[in-house]
Protein backbone atom coordinates (compact mmCIF):
# COMPACT_ATOMS: atom_id res chain seq x y z
CA MET A 1 0.00 0.00 0.00
CA SER A 2 2.86 2.40 0.69
CA LYS A 3 3.95 2.20 -2.96
CA ILE A 4 0.46 3.32 -4.07
CA LEU A 5 0.56 6.24 -1.63
CA LEU A 6 4.01 7.29 -2.88
CA LEU A 7 2.74 7.06 -6.45
CA ALA A 8 -0.30 9.19 -5.61
CA LEU A 9 1.79 11.77 -3.74
CA GLY A 10 4.30 11.97 -6.58
CA GLY A 11 1.49 12.28 -9.11
CA ALA A 12 -0.17 15.08 -7.18
CA LEU A 13 3.08 17.01 -6.75
CA GLY A 14 4.02 16.49 -10.41
CA ALA A 15 0.62 17.73 -11.60
CA ILE A 16 0.87 20.84 -9.43
CA ALA A 17 4.41 21.49 -10.68
CA ARG A 18 3.33 21.05 -14.31
CA TYR A 19 0.40 23.42 -13.86
CA SER A 20 2.64 26.00 -12.19
CA VAL A 21 5.51 25.82 -14.69
CA SER A 22 3.19 25.83 -17.72
CA GLY A 23 1.33 28.83 -16.32
CA ILE A 24 4.51 30.81 -15.69
CA VAL A 25 5.88 30.02 -19.15
CA PHE A 26 2.56 30.86 -20.82
CA LYS A 27 2.42 34.18 -18.98
CA HIS A 28 5.82 35.18 -20.35
CA MET A 29 5.87 33.43 -23.75
CA HIS A 30 2.33 33.81 -25.14
CA VAL A 31 3.46 36.93 -27.00
CA PHE A 32 5.28 34.64 -29.43
CA GLY A 33 2.07 33.31 -30.94
CA VAL A 34 0.37 29.95 -30.79
CA PHE A 35 3.41 27.75 -30.13
CA PRO A 36 2.82 25.75 -26.90
CA PHE A 37 5.99 26.78 -25.05
CA GLY A 38 4.60 25.77 -21.63
CA THR A 39 4.31 22.12 -22.58
CA LEU A 40 7.68 22.19 -24.35
CA VAL A 41 9.42 23.60 -21.26
CA VAL A 42 7.72 21.06 -19.00
CA ASN A 43 8.63 18.12 -21.25
CA VAL A 44 12.22 19.19 -21.88
CA SER A 45 12.96 20.09 -18.23
CA GLY A 46 11.31 16.84 -17.11
CA ALA A 47 13.51 14.94 -19.56
CA LEU A 48 16.63 16.62 -18.13
CA ILE A 49 15.57 15.78 -14.57
CA ILE A 50 14.77 12.17 -15.43
CA GLY A 51 18.16 11.84 -17.14
CA ILE A 52 19.92 13.13 -14.04
CA LEU A 53 17.93 10.82 -11.77
CA TRP A 54 18.42 7.88 -14.12
CA GLY A 55 22.20 8.32 -13.92
CA ALA A 56 22.00 8.46 -10.12
CA TRP A 57 19.63 5.48 -10.06
CA MET A 58 22.03 3.34 -12.06
CA HIS A 59 24.88 4.14 -9.71
CA GLY A 60 23.20 4.19 -6.36
CA ASP A 61 21.12 1.97 -4.22
CA ILE A 62 17.77 3.75 -4.59
CA SER A 63 14.75 1.82 -3.37
CA SER A 64 11.96 0.84 -5.73
CA ASN A 65 9.56 2.93 -3.64
CA ILE A 66 11.62 6.06 -4.24
CA GLY A 67 11.84 5.13 -7.92
CA THR A 68 8.07 4.77 -8.09
CA PHE A 69 7.61 8.15 -6.43
CA LEU A 70 10.12 9.96 -8.66
CA PHE A 71 9.87 8.30 -12.07
CA ILE A 72 6.25 7.19 -12.30
CA GLY A 73 4.52 9.56 -9.90
CA LEU A 74 6.34 12.90 -9.91
CA LEU A 75 7.94 12.98 -13.36
CA GLY A 76 5.24 10.90 -15.04
CA SER A 77 2.71 13.47 -13.91
CA PHE A 78 4.98 16.47 -14.53
CA THR A 79 5.73 15.68 -18.17
CA THR A 80 2.80 15.38 -20.49
CA PHE A 81 2.47 13.47 -23.71
CA SER A 82 -1.30 13.85 -23.83
CA THR A 83 -1.23 17.65 -23.63
CA PHE A 84 1.54 17.73 -26.24
CA SER A 85 -0.61 15.55 -28.50
CA ILE A 86 -3.79 17.62 -28.22
CA GLU A 87 -1.89 20.89 -28.66
CA THR A 88 -0.24 19.53 -31.78
CA LEU A 89 -3.55 18.35 -33.22
CA ASN A 90 -5.09 21.74 -32.45
CA LEU A 91 -2.24 23.46 -34.31
CA PHE A 92 -2.99 21.27 -37.33
CA ARG A 93 -6.71 22.03 -37.02
CA MET A 94 -5.89 25.77 -37.00
CA ASN A 95 -3.89 25.18 -40.19
CA GLU A 96 -0.64 25.97 -38.34
CA ILE A 97 1.06 23.02 -40.03
CA LYS A 98 4.64 24.30 -39.77
CA ILE A 99 4.25 25.17 -36.10
CA GLY A 100 2.66 21.75 -35.45
CA ILE A 101 5.59 19.98 -37.10
CA LEU A 102 8.02 22.21 -35.19
CA ASN A 103 6.23 21.25 -31.97
CA ILE A 104 6.60 17.54 -32.75
CA LEU A 105 10.28 17.89 -33.58
CA ALA A 106 11.08 20.19 -30.65
CA ASN A 107 9.37 18.03 -28.01
CA ASN A 108 10.81 14.76 -29.26
CA ILE A 109 14.33 15.78 -30.22
CA LEU A 110 14.94 18.17 -27.32
CA SER A 111 13.50 15.74 -24.77
CA LEU A 112 15.69 12.88 -26.00
CA VAL A 113 18.77 15.12 -26.02
CA MET A 114 18.00 16.38 -22.51
CA VAL A 115 17.60 12.87 -21.09
CA TYR A 116 21.05 12.10 -22.45
CA VAL A 117 22.52 15.40 -21.18
CA GLY A 118 21.00 14.78 -17.75
CA PHE A 119 22.45 11.29 -17.67
CA ILE A 120 25.91 12.62 -18.62
CA ILE A 121 25.69 15.37 -15.97
CA SER A 122 24.72 12.84 -13.33
CA ARG A 123 27.50 10.43 -14.27
CA ALA A 124 30.09 13.26 -14.30
CA PHE A 125 28.91 14.48 -10.90
CA ILE A 126 29.11 10.99 -9.45
CA ASN A 127 32.58 10.45 -10.88
CA VAL A 128 33.84 13.74 -9.41
CA CYS A 129 32.31 12.96 -6.01
CA LEU A 130 33.84 9.49 -5.90
CA LYS A 131 37.41 10.67 -6.55
């Protein structure tokens, strides 16, 4: 039961964080048109964080409960494939084809790059700390 509670807590905190970050980004970036910067920032920053945590996870002795809380609950709720998908479809419906394609490329490529960058940062930090 504790794993379910950790999952729920992580999910709640991740959803609140996503709502907050998206709102802040929208407030400052909506002047650039219809591009969904809030979702992009959430997905890319979440990818960086999960890369960092993944590198730490592989090195350390992190419990499966903590992993459930962080990876599935917190970051699973923070990042958002469903919002990205509906925003992209809405861009296509508004005949913003180029922006829709840019959104697909930006979310996928930048998120993959940031997971890798986060992993490299984590591994470098661990290596420096262990010397």
